Amino acid sequence: MVLLYRPGAAWTADPYALSPGRKSPLTLFAAEHFLGGISGYEAAETTDENPAAHVALVRRAPLAHLRHTLGVDSTDWTAARRTLAGTAHPLGRLEAE
């Protein structure tokens, strides 16, 4: 039986836990859901202290992973894995296999 919903934040990790293959989840620290996105006129859904840095990280890390996986260039992926390993980085953690 597959559980379709689990209460709490843990359910967001289900795609990583339930999918086959190698996984590299990126966890952002102190980021909010919208990361400063604009969903309407004069809307401000975030009180994130550093949304631009979080958005930049969300942009860079998946692109680095994709370039590595496709064999284009692994430089940025190697740097991201080194920089975001553990909990030392203030923006997030990358758990790469």
Protein backbone atom coordinates (compact mmCIF):
# COMPACT_ATOMS: atom_id res chain seq x y z
CA MET A 1 0.00 0.00 0.00
CA VAL A 2 1.34 3.42 -0.97
CA LEU A 3 0.48 6.25 1.36
CA LEU A 4 -0.65 9.23 -0.71
CA TYR A 5 -0.40 11.81 2.05
CA ARG A 6 1.50 12.04 5.30
CA PRO A 7 0.89 14.97 7.61
CA GLY A 8 3.76 17.33 8.25
CA ALA A 9 6.74 18.38 6.17
CA ALA A 10 8.15 14.84 5.83
CA TRP A 11 5.83 14.06 2.90
CA THR A 12 7.85 16.40 0.67
CA ALA A 13 10.70 13.88 0.78
CA ASP A 14 8.50 11.08 -0.59
CA PRO A 15 9.64 11.54 -4.22
CA TYR A 16 13.20 10.84 -3.08
CA ALA A 17 12.31 7.99 -0.77
CA LEU A 18 9.88 6.24 -3.13
CA SER A 19 11.58 6.73 -6.51
CA PRO A 20 14.24 4.39 -7.89
CA GLY A 21 17.73 5.46 -8.84
CA ARG A 22 20.28 7.90 -7.51
CA LYS A 23 18.99 10.84 -5.51
CA SER A 24 20.36 14.29 -4.66
CA PRO A 25 17.85 16.21 -2.53
CA LEU A 26 18.54 19.89 -1.93
CA THR A 27 17.21 21.21 1.39
CA LEU A 28 16.95 24.97 1.87
CA PHE A 29 17.37 26.41 5.36
CA ALA A 30 15.05 29.22 6.55
CA ALA A 31 13.42 29.56 3.13
CA GLU A 32 9.73 30.01 2.60
CA HIS A 33 7.50 28.38 0.03
CA PHE A 34 7.31 31.18 -2.52
CA LEU A 35 10.92 32.41 -2.21
CA GLY A 36 9.73 35.91 -2.98
CA GLY A 37 7.76 34.95 -6.07
CA ILE A 38 5.00 37.19 -7.36
CA SER A 39 1.57 35.60 -7.49
CA GLY A 40 -0.52 38.74 -7.77
CA TYR A 41 -0.53 42.53 -7.84
CA GLU A 42 1.12 43.89 -4.68
CA ALA A 43 1.39 40.35 -3.26
CA ALA A 44 4.20 39.63 -0.82
CA GLU A 45 3.94 36.04 0.40
CA THR A 46 7.40 35.77 1.89
CA THR A 47 9.22 37.15 4.86
CA ASP A 48 12.32 35.21 3.80
CA GLU A 49 15.33 37.28 4.79
CA ASN A 50 17.32 36.34 1.70
CA PRO A 51 14.98 35.22 -1.11
CA ALA A 52 17.36 36.22 -3.92
CA ALA A 53 20.12 33.97 -2.57
CA HIS A 54 17.71 31.05 -2.15
CA VAL A 55 16.32 31.52 -5.66
CA ALA A 56 19.85 31.66 -7.08
CA LEU A 57 20.73 28.43 -5.28
CA VAL A 58 17.59 26.71 -6.60
CA ARG A 59 18.56 27.89 -10.08
CA ARG A 60 22.25 26.89 -9.91
CA ALA A 61 22.14 23.50 -8.17
CA PRO A 62 19.69 21.70 -10.52
CA LEU A 63 21.45 23.14 -13.58
CA ALA A 64 24.81 21.94 -12.27
CA HIS A 65 23.30 18.49 -11.64
CA LEU A 66 21.79 18.34 -15.12
CA ARG A 67 25.06 19.36 -16.79
CA HIS A 68 26.90 16.72 -14.75
CA THR A 69 24.36 13.99 -15.53
CA LEU A 70 24.41 14.78 -19.27
CA GLY A 71 28.21 14.71 -19.30
CA VAL A 72 28.57 18.37 -20.33
CA ASP A 73 30.64 19.57 -17.36
CA SER A 74 30.93 18.36 -13.75
CA THR A 75 32.83 21.35 -12.36
CA ASP A 76 29.80 23.19 -10.91
CA TRP A 77 28.23 19.98 -9.56
CA THR A 78 31.45 19.00 -7.79
CA ALA A 79 31.70 22.49 -6.29
CA ALA A 80 28.03 22.45 -5.20
CA ARG A 81 28.43 19.04 -3.55
CA ARG A 82 31.53 20.23 -1.69
CA THR A 83 30.04 23.57 -0.64
CA LEU A 84 26.60 22.27 0.42
CA ALA A 85 27.68 19.06 2.16
CA GLY A 86 26.45 18.78 5.75
CA THR A 87 24.89 21.71 7.56
CA ALA A 88 27.73 24.25 7.45
CA HIS A 89 26.33 26.33 4.56
CA PRO A 90 23.76 28.91 5.73
CA LEU A 91 21.44 28.52 2.71
CA GLY A 92 21.03 24.77 2.50
CA ARG A 93 22.29 21.21 2.32
CA LEU A 94 22.82 18.92 -0.68
CA GLU A 95 22.72 15.19 -0.06
CA ALA A 96 24.32 13.87 -3.24
CA GLU A 97 25.01 10.20 -3.93
